[in-house]
Amino acid sequence: MVTLRMSPIVCSYSDESGENLIIEIELPGVDKENISLRMREDSFTIDASKEDIRYIGTYTMWCPVTPDQAKAEYRNGLLTIRVPYKEIPVEEAREVPIEA
């Protein structure tokens, strides 16, 4: 049997408070036990399978997050991940001398 590899449909957006990144991944027909999600500060990898289809992909996020605080929920073929943005210390701007 040949396994078809596909990239799942992924959508990401900021929540209403602007404190969390929401990631939605469509995985139709996949059982929760067949989903592997790995998250880093700047990316995540999904690997999920059903019968003869394997949904797989690695995605870069547009802002750093705190992966150890991520929460994932799976319902009706939709994996929803909520992860807080990482707080980045604000540095003071420094004057850069310009030489002639």
C-alpha atoms as a PDB file:
ATOM      1  CA  MET A   1       0.000   0.000   0.000  1.00  0.00           C
ATOM      2  CA  VAL A   2       1.282   3.480  -0.888  1.00  0.00           C
ATOM      3  CA  THR A   3       1.017   6.209   1.738  1.00  0.00           C
ATOM      4  CA  LEU A   4       0.112   9.633   0.389  1.00  0.00           C
ATOM      5  CA  ARG A   5       2.063  12.452   2.099  1.00  0.00           C
ATOM      6  CA  MET A   6       0.219  15.745   2.359  1.00  0.00           C
ATOM      7  CA  SER A   7       0.719  19.117   3.999  1.00  0.00           C
ATOM      8  CA  PRO A   8      -2.244  19.882   6.247  1.00  0.00           C
ATOM      9  CA  ILE A   9      -4.154  23.141   5.988  1.00  0.00           C
ATOM     10  CA  VAL A  10      -2.752  25.476   8.660  1.00  0.00           C
ATOM     11  CA  CYS A  11      -4.079  28.836   9.815  1.00  0.00           C
ATOM     12  CA  SER A  12      -2.492  31.025  12.508  1.00  0.00           C
ATOM     13  CA  TYR A  13      -3.619  34.287  14.056  1.00  0.00           C
ATOM     14  CA  SER A  14      -3.364  36.345  17.237  1.00  0.00           C
ATOM     15  CA  ASP A  15      -6.119  36.022  19.837  1.00  0.00           C
ATOM     16  CA  GLU A  16      -8.332  38.992  20.790  1.00  0.00           C
ATOM     17  CA  SER A  17      -6.067  39.998  23.683  1.00  0.00           C
ATOM     18  CA  GLY A  18      -2.922  39.943  21.525  1.00  0.00           C
ATOM     19  CA  GLU A  19      -1.203  37.730  24.119  1.00  0.00           C
ATOM     20  CA  ASN A  20      -1.472  34.328  22.417  1.00  0.00           C
ATOM     21  CA  LEU A  21      -0.896  32.811  19.016  1.00  0.00           C
ATOM     22  CA  ILE A  22      -3.682  30.501  17.856  1.00  0.00           C
ATOM     23  CA  ILE A  23      -2.776  27.788  15.335  1.00  0.00           C
ATOM     24  CA  GLU A  24      -5.472  25.690  13.659  1.00  0.00           C
ATOM     25  CA  ILE A  25      -4.548  22.561  11.712  1.00  0.00           C
ATOM     26  CA  GLU A  26      -7.072  20.556   9.698  1.00  0.00           C
ATOM     27  CA  LEU A  27      -6.582  16.795  10.115  1.00  0.00           C
ATOM     28  CA  PRO A  28      -9.807  15.212   8.826  1.00  0.00           C
ATOM     29  CA  GLY A  29     -10.435  11.640   9.915  1.00  0.00           C
ATOM     30  CA  VAL A  30      -7.282  11.379  12.044  1.00  0.00           C
ATOM     31  CA  ASP A  31      -7.534   9.832  15.526  1.00  0.00           C
ATOM     32  CA  LYS A  32      -5.984  11.858  18.350  1.00  0.00           C
ATOM     33  CA  GLU A  33      -3.621   8.972  19.139  1.00  0.00           C
ATOM     34  CA  ASN A  34      -2.091   9.298  15.656  1.00  0.00           C
ATOM     35  CA  ILE A  35      -1.046  12.954  16.037  1.00  0.00           C
ATOM     36  CA  SER A  36       2.442  14.096  17.024  1.00  0.00           C
ATOM     37  CA  LEU A  37       3.036  17.803  17.626  1.00  0.00           C
ATOM     38  CA  ARG A  38       6.449  19.255  18.480  1.00  0.00           C
ATOM     39  CA  MET A  39       6.858  22.949  19.145  1.00  0.00           C
ATOM     40  CA  ARG A  40       9.858  25.233  19.464  1.00  0.00           C
ATOM     41  CA  GLU A  41      10.139  28.959  20.085  1.00  0.00           C
ATOM     42  CA  ASP A  42      10.085  29.725  16.379  1.00  0.00           C
ATOM     43  CA  SER A  43       8.533  26.686  14.669  1.00  0.00           C
ATOM     44  CA  PHE A  44       6.408  23.568  15.022  1.00  0.00           C
ATOM     45  CA  THR A  45       6.221  20.159  13.382  1.00  0.00           C
ATOM     46  CA  ILE A  46       3.061  18.138  12.851  1.00  0.00           C
ATOM     47  CA  ASP A  47       2.951  14.462  11.923  1.00  0.00           C
ATOM     48  CA  ALA A  48      -0.449  12.779  11.773  1.00  0.00           C
ATOM     49  CA  SER A  49      -1.745   9.760   9.918  1.00  0.00           C
ATOM     50  CA  LYS A  50      -4.856   7.844   8.986  1.00  0.00           C
ATOM     51  CA  GLU A  51      -5.154   4.752   6.806  1.00  0.00           C
ATOM     52  CA  ASP A  52      -3.140   5.611   3.679  1.00  0.00           C
ATOM     53  CA  ILE A  53      -2.634   9.378   4.271  1.00  0.00           C
ATOM     54  CA  ARG A  54       0.127  11.028   6.287  1.00  0.00           C
ATOM     55  CA  TYR A  55      -0.151  14.737   7.110  1.00  0.00           C
ATOM     56  CA  ILE A  56       3.321  16.078   7.765  1.00  0.00           C
ATOM     57  CA  GLY A  57       4.986  19.473   7.827  1.00  0.00           C
ATOM     58  CA  THR A  58       7.285  21.884   9.631  1.00  0.00           C
ATOM     59  CA  TYR A  59       6.212  25.507   9.865  1.00  0.00           C
ATOM     60  CA  THR A  60       8.004  28.659  10.946  1.00  0.00           C
ATOM     61  CA  MET A  61       6.081  31.042  13.177  1.00  0.00           C
ATOM     62  CA  TRP A  62       6.219  34.775  12.577  1.00  0.00           C
ATOM     63  CA  CYS A  63       6.969  35.585  16.226  1.00  0.00           C
ATOM     64  CA  PRO A  64       8.630  33.777  19.156  1.00  0.00           C
ATOM     65  CA  VAL A  65       6.353  31.835  21.516  1.00  0.00           C
ATOM     66  CA  THR A  66       6.699  30.010  24.842  1.00  0.00           C
ATOM     67  CA  PRO A  67       6.332  26.346  23.795  1.00  0.00           C
ATOM     68  CA  ASP A  68       6.246  24.889  27.323  1.00  0.00           C
ATOM     69  CA  GLN A  69       2.974  26.793  27.932  1.00  0.00           C
ATOM     70  CA  ALA A  70       1.244  25.595  24.743  1.00  0.00           C
ATOM     71  CA  LYS A  71      -2.161  23.917  25.017  1.00  0.00           C
ATOM     72  CA  ALA A  72      -3.645  21.790  22.246  1.00  0.00           C
ATOM     73  CA  GLU A  73      -7.201  20.552  21.725  1.00  0.00           C
ATOM     74  CA  TYR A  74      -8.471  18.206  19.017  1.00  0.00           C
ATOM     75  CA  ARG A  75     -12.132  18.092  17.980  1.00  0.00           C
ATOM     76  CA  ASN A  76     -13.880  17.004  14.808  1.00  0.00           C
ATOM     77  CA  GLY A  77     -10.707  16.923  12.695  1.00  0.00           C
ATOM     78  CA  LEU A  78      -9.414  20.324  13.854  1.00  0.00           C
ATOM     79  CA  LEU A  79      -6.311  20.632  16.053  1.00  0.00           C
ATOM     80  CA  THR A  80      -6.275  23.998  17.836  1.00  0.00           C
ATOM     81  CA  ILE A  81      -3.123  25.147  19.616  1.00  0.00           C
ATOM     82  CA  ARG A  82      -2.987  28.166  21.909  1.00  0.00           C
ATOM     83  CA  VAL A  83       0.492  29.352  22.872  1.00  0.00           C
ATOM     84  CA  PRO A  84       1.541  32.621  24.544  1.00  0.00           C
ATOM     85  CA  TYR A  85       3.919  34.948  22.804  1.00  0.00           C
ATOM     86  CA  LYS A  86       7.378  35.077  24.328  1.00  0.00           C
ATOM     87  CA  GLU A  87       8.120  38.312  26.117  1.00  0.00           C
ATOM     88  CA  ILE A  88      11.175  39.924  24.605  1.00  0.00           C
ATOM     89  CA  PRO A  89      13.002  42.438  26.766  1.00  0.00           C
ATOM     90  CA  VAL A  90      12.874  45.912  25.334  1.00  0.00           C
ATOM     91  CA  GLU A  91      16.333  47.268  24.727  1.00  0.00           C
ATOM     92  CA  GLU A  92      17.165  50.898  24.571  1.00  0.00           C
ATOM     93  CA  ALA A  93      18.101  52.200  21.145  1.00  0.00           C
ATOM     94  CA  ARG A  94      21.770  52.966  20.811  1.00  0.00           C
ATOM     95  CA  GLU A  95      23.284  55.669  18.721  1.00  0.00           C
ATOM     96  CA  VAL A  96      25.559  54.265  16.050  1.00  0.00           C
ATOM     97  CA  PRO A  97      28.387  56.552  14.985  1.00  0.00           C
ATOM     98  CA  ILE A  98      28.733  57.007  11.253  1.00  0.00           C
ATOM     99  CA  GLU A  99      32.226  57.358   9.866  1.00  0.00           C
ATOM    100  CA  ALA A 100      33.084  59.405   6.823  1.00  0.00           C
END
